[in-house]
PDB file of N, CA and C in Angstrom:
ATOM      1  N   MET A   1       0.875  -1.218  -0.041  1.00  0.00           N
ATOM      2  CA  MET A   1      -0.135  -0.135   0.107  1.00  0.00           C
ATOM      3  C   MET A   1       0.787   1.325  -0.115  1.00  0.00           C
ATOM      4  N   VAL A   2       1.966   1.205   0.589  1.00  0.00           N
ATOM      5  CA  VAL A   2       2.892   2.429   0.616  1.00  0.00           C
ATOM      6  C   VAL A   2       3.412   2.807  -0.988  1.00  0.00           C
ATOM      7  N   ALA A   3       3.518   1.685  -1.987  1.00  0.00           N
ATOM      8  CA  ALA A   3       4.207   1.979  -3.013  1.00  0.00           C
ATOM      9  C   ALA A   3       2.759   2.583  -3.619  1.00  0.00           C
ATOM     10  N   LEU A   4       1.586   2.317  -3.851  1.00  0.00           N
ATOM     11  CA  LEU A   4       0.604   2.680  -4.581  1.00  0.00           C
ATOM     12  C   LEU A   4       0.662   4.456  -3.881  1.00  0.00           C
ATOM     13  N   GLY A   5       0.540   4.607  -2.871  1.00  0.00           N
ATOM     14  CA  GLY A   5       0.604   6.176  -2.498  1.00  0.00           C
ATOM     15  C   GLY A   5       1.837   7.063  -2.850  1.00  0.00           C
ATOM     16  N   ALA A   6       2.593   6.212  -2.931  1.00  0.00           N
ATOM     17  CA  ALA A   6       3.885   6.696  -3.483  1.00  0.00           C
ATOM     18  C   ALA A   6       3.841   7.037  -4.976  1.00  0.00           C
ATOM     19  N   VAL A   7       3.467   6.100  -5.874  1.00  0.00           N
ATOM     20  CA  VAL A   7       3.114   6.624  -7.261  1.00  0.00           C
ATOM     21  C   VAL A   7       2.057   7.409  -7.327  1.00  0.00           C
ATOM     22  N   ALA A   8       0.963   7.364  -6.759  1.00  0.00           N
ATOM     23  CA  ALA A   8      -0.255   8.273  -6.723  1.00  0.00           C
ATOM     24  C   ALA A   8       0.463   9.917  -6.122  1.00  0.00           C
ATOM     25  N   ARG A   9       1.312   9.865  -5.440  1.00  0.00           N
ATOM     26  CA  ARG A   9       2.228  11.362  -5.002  1.00  0.00           C
ATOM     27  C   ARG A   9       2.835  11.760  -6.083  1.00  0.00           C
ATOM     28  N   ALA A  10       3.895  10.716  -6.333  1.00  0.00           N
ATOM     29  CA  ALA A  10       4.596  11.216  -7.606  1.00  0.00           C
ATOM     30  C   ALA A  10       3.772  11.428  -9.022  1.00  0.00           C
ATOM     31  N   LEU A  11       2.934  10.966  -9.657  1.00  0.00           N
ATOM     32  CA  LEU A  11       2.396  11.157 -10.694  1.00  0.00           C
ATOM     33  C   LEU A  11       0.986  11.893 -10.564  1.00  0.00           C
ATOM     34  N   GLY A  12       0.970  12.344  -9.423  1.00  0.00           N
ATOM     35  CA  GLY A  12      -0.785  13.052  -8.880  1.00  0.00           C
ATOM     36  C   GLY A  12      -0.647  14.284  -9.891  1.00  0.00           C
ATOM     37  N   ARG A  13       0.683  15.340  -9.965  1.00  0.00           N
ATOM     38  CA  ARG A  13       0.331  16.367 -10.726  1.00  0.00           C
ATOM     39  C   ARG A  13       0.646  16.598 -12.312  1.00  0.00           C
ATOM     40  N   VAL A  14       0.903  15.209 -12.588  1.00  0.00           N
ATOM     41  CA  VAL A  14       1.336  15.267 -13.861  1.00  0.00           C
ATOM     42  C   VAL A  14       0.136  15.648 -14.600  1.00  0.00           C
ATOM     43  N   ALA A  15       0.219  16.094 -16.070  1.00  0.00           N
ATOM     44  CA  ALA A  15      -0.944  16.462 -16.931  1.00  0.00           C
ATOM     45  C   ALA A  15      -1.252  14.983 -17.421  1.00  0.00           C
ATOM     46  N   PRO A  16      -2.723  14.556 -17.952  1.00  0.00           N
ATOM     47  CA  PRO A  16      -2.462  13.402 -18.624  1.00  0.00           C
ATOM     48  C   PRO A  16      -1.945  13.105 -19.664  1.00  0.00           C
ATOM     49  N   ALA A  17      -1.699  14.068 -20.702  1.00  0.00           N
ATOM     50  CA  ALA A  17      -0.773  13.966 -21.930  1.00  0.00           C
ATOM     51  C   ALA A  17       0.477  13.616 -21.759  1.00  0.00           C
ATOM     52  N   ASP A  18       0.660  13.513 -20.483  1.00  0.00           N
ATOM     53  CA  ASP A  18       2.400  13.469 -20.013  1.00  0.00           C
ATOM     54  C   ASP A  18       2.462  12.291 -19.613  1.00  0.00           C
ATOM     55  N   ALA A  19       1.279  11.514 -18.806  1.00  0.00           N
ATOM     56  CA  ALA A  19       1.300  10.671 -17.863  1.00  0.00           C
ATOM     57  C   ALA A  19       2.343   9.458 -18.402  1.00  0.00           C
ATOM     58  N   ALA A  20       2.272   8.947 -19.671  1.00  0.00           N
ATOM     59  CA  ALA A  20       3.004   7.825 -20.204  1.00  0.00           C
ATOM     60  C   ALA A  20       4.318   7.998 -19.734  1.00  0.00           C
ATOM     61  N   ASP A  21       5.140   9.277 -20.223  1.00  0.00           N
ATOM     62  CA  ASP A  21       6.523   9.621 -20.167  1.00  0.00           C
ATOM     63  C   ASP A  21       6.739   9.664 -18.545  1.00  0.00           C
ATOM     64  N   ALA A  22       5.889  10.101 -17.845  1.00  0.00           N
ATOM     65  CA  ALA A  22       6.108  10.052 -16.561  1.00  0.00           C
ATOM     66  C   ALA A  22       6.076   9.200 -15.497  1.00  0.00           C
ATOM     67  N   SER A  23       5.126   8.258 -16.092  1.00  0.00           N
ATOM     68  CA  SER A  23       5.260   6.770 -15.571  1.00  0.00           C
ATOM     69  C   SER A  23       6.481   6.077 -16.202  1.00  0.00           C
ATOM     70  N   GLY A  24       6.906   6.054 -17.422  1.00  0.00           N
ATOM     71  CA  GLY A  24       8.227   5.023 -17.886  1.00  0.00           C
ATOM     72  C   GLY A  24       9.468   5.887 -16.827  1.00  0.00           C
ATOM     73  N   VAL A  25       9.352   7.023 -16.819  1.00  0.00           N
ATOM     74  CA  VAL A  25      10.663   7.827 -16.058  1.00  0.00           C
ATOM     75  C   VAL A  25      10.567   7.240 -14.492  1.00  0.00           C
ATOM     76  N   LEU A  26       9.598   7.572 -13.631  1.00  0.00           N
ATOM     77  CA  LEU A  26       9.551   6.700 -12.757  1.00  0.00           C
ATOM     78  C   LEU A  26       9.491   5.338 -12.326  1.00  0.00           C
ATOM     79  N   VAL A  27       9.150   4.662 -13.300  1.00  0.00           N
ATOM     80  CA  VAL A  27       9.626   3.326 -13.289  1.00  0.00           C
ATOM     81  C   VAL A  27      10.744   2.669 -13.583  1.00  0.00           C
ATOM     82  N   THR A  28      11.625   4.009 -14.309  1.00  0.00           N
ATOM     83  CA  THR A  28      13.170   3.553 -14.426  1.00  0.00           C
ATOM     84  C   THR A  28      13.826   4.118 -13.536  1.00  0.00           C
ATOM     85  N   VAL A  29      13.733   4.666 -12.717  1.00  0.00           N
ATOM     86  CA  VAL A  29      14.055   5.681 -11.429  1.00  0.00           C
ATOM     87  C   VAL A  29      14.045   4.366 -10.075  1.00  0.00           C
ATOM     88  N   VAL A  30      12.707   3.979 -10.271  1.00  0.00           N
ATOM     89  CA  VAL A  30      12.455   2.784  -9.332  1.00  0.00           C
ATOM     90  C   VAL A  30      13.564   1.510  -9.604  1.00  0.00           C
ATOM     91  N   GLN A  31      13.561   1.318 -10.768  1.00  0.00           N
ATOM     92  CA  GLN A  31      14.623   0.080 -11.049  1.00  0.00           C
ATOM     93  C   GLN A  31      16.477   0.311 -10.897  1.00  0.00           C
ATOM     94  N   LEU A  32      16.666   1.810 -11.253  1.00  0.00           N
ATOM     95  CA  LEU A  32      17.836   2.030 -11.177  1.00  0.00           C
ATOM     96  C   LEU A  32      18.374   1.696  -9.557  1.00  0.00           C
ATOM     97  N   GLY A  33      16.887   2.163  -8.713  1.00  0.00           N
ATOM     98  CA  GLY A  33      17.176   2.346  -7.419  1.00  0.00           C
ATOM     99  C   GLY A  33      17.340   1.026  -6.746  1.00  0.00           C
ATOM    100  N   GLN A  34      16.485   0.024  -7.008  1.00  0.00           N
ATOM    101  CA  GLN A  34      16.677  -1.387  -6.973  1.00  0.00           C
ATOM    102  C   GLN A  34      18.281  -1.742  -7.399  1.00  0.00           C
ATOM    103  N   VAL A  35      18.655  -1.626  -8.316  1.00  0.00           N
ATOM    104  CA  VAL A  35      19.707  -2.281  -9.006  1.00  0.00           C
ATOM    105  C   VAL A  35      21.207  -1.724  -7.812  1.00  0.00           C
ATOM    106  N   VAL A  36      20.957  -0.617  -7.781  1.00  0.00           N
ATOM    107  CA  VAL A  36      22.101   0.259  -6.828  1.00  0.00           C
ATOM    108  C   VAL A  36      21.755  -0.059  -5.613  1.00  0.00           C
ATOM    109  N   GLY A  37      20.688   0.020  -5.058  1.00  0.00           N
ATOM    110  CA  GLY A  37      20.562  -0.721  -3.866  1.00  0.00           C
ATOM    111  C   GLY A  37      21.246  -2.334  -3.522  1.00  0.00           C
ATOM    112  N   VAL A  38      20.998  -3.081  -4.518  1.00  0.00           N
ATOM    113  CA  VAL A  38      21.432  -4.339  -4.265  1.00  0.00           C
ATOM    114  C   VAL A  38      23.000  -4.414  -4.562  1.00  0.00           C
ATOM    115  N   ALA A  39      23.451  -3.518  -5.481  1.00  0.00           N
ATOM    116  CA  ALA A  39      24.476  -3.873  -5.834  1.00  0.00           C
ATOM    117  C   ALA A  39      26.130  -2.870  -4.798  1.00  0.00           C
ATOM    118  N   LEU A  40      25.611  -1.945  -4.276  1.00  0.00           N
ATOM    119  CA  LEU A  40      26.171  -1.389  -3.217  1.00  0.00           C
ATOM    120  C   LEU A  40      26.794  -2.102  -2.358  1.00  0.00           C
ATOM    121  N   PRO A  41      25.487  -2.352  -1.483  1.00  0.00           N
ATOM    122  CA  PRO A  41      25.916  -3.522  -0.219  1.00  0.00           C
ATOM    123  C   PRO A  41      26.761  -4.553  -0.768  1.00  0.00           C
ATOM    124  N   GLY A  42      26.441  -5.305  -1.947  1.00  0.00           N
ATOM    125  CA  GLY A  42      27.119  -6.443  -2.120  1.00  0.00           C
ATOM    126  C   GLY A  42      28.975  -6.245  -2.536  1.00  0.00           C
ATOM    127  N   THR A  43      28.772  -4.953  -3.215  1.00  0.00           N
ATOM    128  CA  THR A  43      30.228  -4.434  -3.358  1.00  0.00           C
ATOM    129  C   THR A  43      31.135  -4.347  -1.907  1.00  0.00           C
ATOM    130  N   LEU A  44      30.308  -3.621  -1.008  1.00  0.00           N
ATOM    131  CA  LEU A  44      30.972  -3.476   0.402  1.00  0.00           C
ATOM    132  C   LEU A  44      31.328  -4.686   0.442  1.00  0.00           C
ATOM    133  N   PHE A  45      30.365  -5.561   0.924  1.00  0.00           N
ATOM    134  CA  PHE A  45      30.630  -7.179   1.704  1.00  0.00           C
ATOM    135  C   PHE A  45      31.755  -7.629   0.869  1.00  0.00           C
ATOM    136  N   LEU A  46      32.012  -7.669  -0.555  1.00  0.00           N
ATOM    137  CA  LEU A  46      32.755  -8.391  -1.389  1.00  0.00           C
ATOM    138  C   LEU A  46      34.085  -7.741  -1.192  1.00  0.00           C
ATOM    139  N   SER A  47      34.358  -6.462  -0.973  1.00  0.00           N
ATOM    140  CA  SER A  47      35.545  -5.796  -0.765  1.00  0.00           C
ATOM    141  C   SER A  47      36.022  -6.025   0.474  1.00  0.00           C
ATOM    142  N   ARG A  48      35.443  -6.386   1.502  1.00  0.00           N
ATOM    143  CA  ARG A  48      35.743  -6.338   2.960  1.00  0.00           C
ATOM    144  C   ARG A  48      36.534  -8.088   3.221  1.00  0.00           C
ATOM    145  N   VAL A  49      35.766  -8.622   2.607  1.00  0.00           N
ATOM    146  CA  VAL A  49      36.066 -10.403   2.665  1.00  0.00           C
ATOM    147  C   VAL A  49      37.408 -10.180   2.092  1.00  0.00           C
ATOM    148  N   VAL A  50      37.997 -11.204   2.822  1.00  0.00           N
ATOM    149  CA  VAL A  50      39.714 -11.886   2.167  1.00  0.00           C
ATOM    150  C   VAL A  50      39.488 -13.498   1.895  1.00  0.00           C
ATOM    151  N   TYR A  51      39.452 -13.829   0.827  1.00  0.00           N
ATOM    152  CA  TYR A  51      39.393 -15.288   0.271  1.00  0.00           C
ATOM    153  C   TYR A  51      40.674 -15.856   0.469  1.00  0.00           C
ATOM    154  N   PRO A  52      40.829 -16.995   0.891  1.00  0.00           N
ATOM    155  CA  PRO A  52      39.628 -17.871   1.672  1.00  0.00           C
ATOM    156  C   PRO A  52      39.266 -17.204   2.729  1.00  0.00           C
ATOM    157  N   ALA A  53      38.119 -16.596   3.283  1.00  0.00           N
ATOM    158  CA  ALA A  53      37.283 -16.184   4.231  1.00  0.00           C
ATOM    159  C   ALA A  53      37.146 -17.578   4.970  1.00  0.00           C
ATOM    160  N   THR A  54      37.686 -16.722   6.268  1.00  0.00           N
ATOM    161  CA  THR A  54      37.096 -17.356   8.036  1.00  0.00           C
ATOM    162  C   THR A  54      35.768 -17.390   7.840  1.00  0.00           C
ATOM    163  N   ALA A  55      35.124 -17.839   8.877  1.00  0.00           N
ATOM    164  CA  ALA A  55      33.911 -17.409   9.442  1.00  0.00           C
ATOM    165  C   ALA A  55      34.264 -15.921  10.447  1.00  0.00           C
ATOM    166  N   ALA A  56      35.133 -15.829  11.017  1.00  0.00           N
ATOM    167  CA  ALA A  56      35.146 -14.327  11.630  1.00  0.00           C
ATOM    168  C   ALA A  56      35.083 -13.641  10.661  1.00  0.00           C
ATOM    169  N   ARG A  57      36.078 -13.627   9.552  1.00  0.00           N
ATOM    170  CA  ARG A  57      36.148 -12.595   8.592  1.00  0.00           C
ATOM    171  C   ARG A  57      34.693 -12.306   7.588  1.00  0.00           C
ATOM    172  N   SER A  58      34.198 -13.258   7.106  1.00  0.00           N
ATOM    173  CA  SER A  58      33.060 -13.124   6.673  1.00  0.00           C
ATOM    174  C   SER A  58      31.986 -12.613   7.620  1.00  0.00           C
ATOM    175  N   GLY A  59      32.145 -12.807   9.174  1.00  0.00           N
ATOM    176  CA  GLY A  59      31.350 -12.024   9.959  1.00  0.00           C
ATOM    177  C   GLY A  59      31.535 -10.578  10.164  1.00  0.00           C
ATOM    178  N   HIS A  60      32.903 -10.446  10.399  1.00  0.00           N
ATOM    179  CA  HIS A  60      32.824  -8.874  10.450  1.00  0.00           C
ATOM    180  C   HIS A  60      32.630  -8.258   8.923  1.00  0.00           C
ATOM    181  N   ALA A  61      33.002  -8.805   7.969  1.00  0.00           N
ATOM    182  CA  ALA A  61      32.715  -8.026   6.643  1.00  0.00           C
ATOM    183  C   ALA A  61      30.856  -7.938   6.342  1.00  0.00           C
ATOM    184  N   LEU A  62      30.188  -9.095   7.383  1.00  0.00           N
ATOM    185  CA  LEU A  62      28.647  -8.863   6.906  1.00  0.00           C
ATOM    186  C   LEU A  62      28.126  -7.586   8.059  1.00  0.00           C
ATOM    187  N   ALA A  63      28.667  -7.550   9.129  1.00  0.00           N
ATOM    188  CA  ALA A  63      28.672  -6.653  10.442  1.00  0.00           C
ATOM    189  C   ALA A  63      28.871  -5.238   9.593  1.00  0.00           C
ATOM    190  N   ASP A  64      30.000  -5.055   8.963  1.00  0.00           N
ATOM    191  CA  ASP A  64      29.857  -3.489   8.313  1.00  0.00           C
ATOM    192  C   ASP A  64      29.238  -3.504   7.274  1.00  0.00           C
ATOM    193  N   THR A  65      28.462  -4.430   6.770  1.00  0.00           N
ATOM    194  CA  THR A  65      27.894  -4.080   5.407  1.00  0.00           C
ATOM    195  C   THR A  65      26.517  -3.691   5.923  1.00  0.00           C
ATOM    196  N   LEU A  66      26.121  -4.464   6.981  1.00  0.00           N
ATOM    197  CA  LEU A  66      25.076  -4.051   7.833  1.00  0.00           C
ATOM    198  C   LEU A  66      25.151  -2.818   8.343  1.00  0.00           C
ATOM    199  N   PHE A  67      25.869  -2.555   9.022  1.00  0.00           N
ATOM    200  CA  PHE A  67      26.165  -0.897   9.619  1.00  0.00           C
ATOM    201  C   PHE A  67      25.704  -0.312   8.581  1.00  0.00           C
ATOM    202  N   VAL A  68      26.651  -0.244   7.620  1.00  0.00           N
ATOM    203  CA  VAL A  68      26.321   1.257   6.527  1.00  0.00           C
ATOM    204  C   VAL A  68      25.184   1.150   5.836  1.00  0.00           C
ATOM    205  N   THR A  69      24.425  -0.069   6.003  1.00  0.00           N
ATOM    206  CA  THR A  69      22.943  -0.142   5.413  1.00  0.00           C
ATOM    207  C   THR A  69      22.237   0.145   6.122  1.00  0.00           C
ATOM    208  N   ALA A  70      22.462   0.269   7.149  1.00  0.00           N
ATOM    209  CA  ALA A  70      21.470   0.727   8.849  1.00  0.00           C
ATOM    210  C   ALA A  70      21.649   2.312   8.603  1.00  0.00           C
ATOM    211  N   LEU A  71      23.185   2.820   8.581  1.00  0.00           N
ATOM    212  CA  LEU A  71      22.959   4.159   8.423  1.00  0.00           C
ATOM    213  C   LEU A  71      22.466   5.048   7.067  1.00  0.00           C
ATOM    214  N   ALA A  72      22.697   4.147   5.872  1.00  0.00           N
ATOM    215  CA  ALA A  72      21.709   4.367   4.984  1.00  0.00           C
ATOM    216  C   ALA A  72      20.539   4.516   5.170  1.00  0.00           C
ATOM    217  N   LEU A  73      19.600   3.525   6.020  1.00  0.00           N
ATOM    218  CA  LEU A  73      18.291   3.496   5.982  1.00  0.00           C
ATOM    219  C   LEU A  73      17.894   4.953   6.890  1.00  0.00           C
ATOM    220  N   LEU A  74      18.486   5.079   8.110  1.00  0.00           N
ATOM    221  CA  LEU A  74      18.433   6.045   8.958  1.00  0.00           C
ATOM    222  C   LEU A  74      18.259   7.437   8.116  1.00  0.00           C
ATOM    223  N   ALA A  75      19.581   7.406   7.543  1.00  0.00           N
ATOM    224  CA  ALA A  75      19.505   9.080   6.055  1.00  0.00           C
ATOM    225  C   ALA A  75      18.208   9.203   5.496  1.00  0.00           C
ATOM    226  N   ALA A  76      17.634   7.802   4.950  1.00  0.00           N
ATOM    227  CA  ALA A  76      16.294   7.857   4.080  1.00  0.00           C
ATOM    228  C   ALA A  76      15.418   8.150   5.192  1.00  0.00           C
ATOM    229  N   VAL A  77      15.289   7.556   5.962  1.00  0.00           N
ATOM    230  CA  VAL A  77      14.123   7.969   7.004  1.00  0.00           C
ATOM    231  C   VAL A  77      14.261   9.562   7.647  1.00  0.00           C
ATOM    232  N   ALA A  78      15.515   9.955   7.779  1.00  0.00           N
ATOM    233  CA  ALA A  78      15.481  11.364   7.780  1.00  0.00           C
ATOM    234  C   ALA A  78      15.113  12.303   7.099  1.00  0.00           C
ATOM    235  N   PHE A  79      15.592  11.839   5.875  1.00  0.00           N
ATOM    236  CA  PHE A  79      14.804  12.743   4.687  1.00  0.00           C
ATOM    237  C   PHE A  79      13.387  12.680   4.456  1.00  0.00           C
ATOM    238  N   ALA A  80      12.643  11.578   4.510  1.00  0.00           N
ATOM    239  CA  ALA A  80      11.431  11.175   4.477  1.00  0.00           C
ATOM    240  C   ALA A  80      10.531  12.221   5.171  1.00  0.00           C
ATOM    241  N   ALA A  81      11.430  12.178   6.812  1.00  0.00           N
ATOM    242  CA  ALA A  81      10.364  12.953   7.730  1.00  0.00           C
ATOM    243  C   ALA A  81      10.727  14.767   7.313  1.00  0.00           C
ATOM    244  N   ARG A  82      11.653  14.988   6.618  1.00  0.00           N
ATOM    245  CA  ARG A  82      12.306  16.188   6.679  1.00  0.00           C
ATOM    246  C   ARG A  82      10.938  16.991   5.706  1.00  0.00           C
ATOM    247  N   THR A  83      11.120  15.820   4.403  1.00  0.00           N
ATOM    248  CA  THR A  83      10.448  16.476   3.262  1.00  0.00           C
ATOM    249  C   THR A  83       8.880  16.856   3.523  1.00  0.00           C
ATOM    250  N   GLY A  84       8.357  15.713   4.202  1.00  0.00           N
ATOM    251  CA  GLY A  84       6.957  15.987   4.414  1.00  0.00           C
ATOM    252  C   GLY A  84       6.030  15.406   3.769  1.00  0.00           C
ATOM    253  N   ARG A  85       4.513  15.200   3.812  1.00  0.00           N
ATOM    254  CA  ARG A  85       3.972  14.923   2.545  1.00  0.00           C
ATOM    255  C   ARG A  85       3.381  16.308   1.697  1.00  0.00           C
ATOM    256  N   ALA A  86       3.181  15.993   0.668  1.00  0.00           N
ATOM    257  CA  ALA A  86       2.573  17.063  -0.144  1.00  0.00           C
ATOM    258  C   ALA A  86       1.042  16.968  -0.511  1.00  0.00           C
ATOM    259  N   PRO A  87       0.341  17.858  -0.391  1.00  0.00           N
ATOM    260  CA  PRO A  87      -1.152  17.493  -1.019  1.00  0.00           C
ATOM    261  C   PRO A  87      -1.522  16.871  -2.218  1.00  0.00           C
ATOM    262  N   VAL A  88      -2.035  15.923  -2.117  1.00  0.00           N
ATOM    263  CA  VAL A  88      -1.964  15.611  -3.812  1.00  0.00           C
ATOM    264  C   VAL A  88      -3.700  15.977  -3.976  1.00  0.00           C
ATOM    265  N   PRO A  89      -3.645  16.505  -5.611  1.00  0.00           N
ATOM    266  CA  PRO A  89      -5.197  17.050  -6.019  1.00  0.00           C
ATOM    267  C   PRO A  89      -5.858  15.986  -5.798  1.00  0.00           C
ATOM    268  N   PRO A  90      -7.653  16.399  -5.687  1.00  0.00           N
ATOM    269  CA  PRO A  90      -8.461  15.184  -6.019  1.00  0.00           C
ATOM    270  C   PRO A  90      -8.814  14.469  -7.161  1.00  0.00           C
ATOM    271  N   ALA A  91      -8.831  13.220  -7.358  1.00  0.00           N
ATOM    272  CA  ALA A  91      -9.233  12.752  -8.674  1.00  0.00           C
ATOM    273  C   ALA A  91     -10.546  13.099  -9.016  1.00  0.00           C
ATOM    274  N   ARG A  92     -10.256  13.322 -10.625  1.00  0.00           N
ATOM    275  CA  ARG A  92     -11.589  13.975 -11.219  1.00  0.00           C
ATOM    276  C   ARG A  92     -12.369  13.138 -11.879  1.00  0.00           C
TER     277      ARG A  92
END
């Protein structure tokens, strides 16, 4: 349900003539965010592990990765709280 609200908020003020283009841009940005969201923690983890990895080294690499991911999540929450909610115009 959160995703539907975000899509409605993002596309709520777009003119009907531009809706297809705006929807395509939105989907592209979401997919890019998903790719980067998977690639960056994976890259960080793999850069912290020295092969052959012992359980302790792998655990330390995982802890580092989770710490950075948690910081990024906190930054995203702080940003979202700061931006607030924009009013969505009523549907016609």
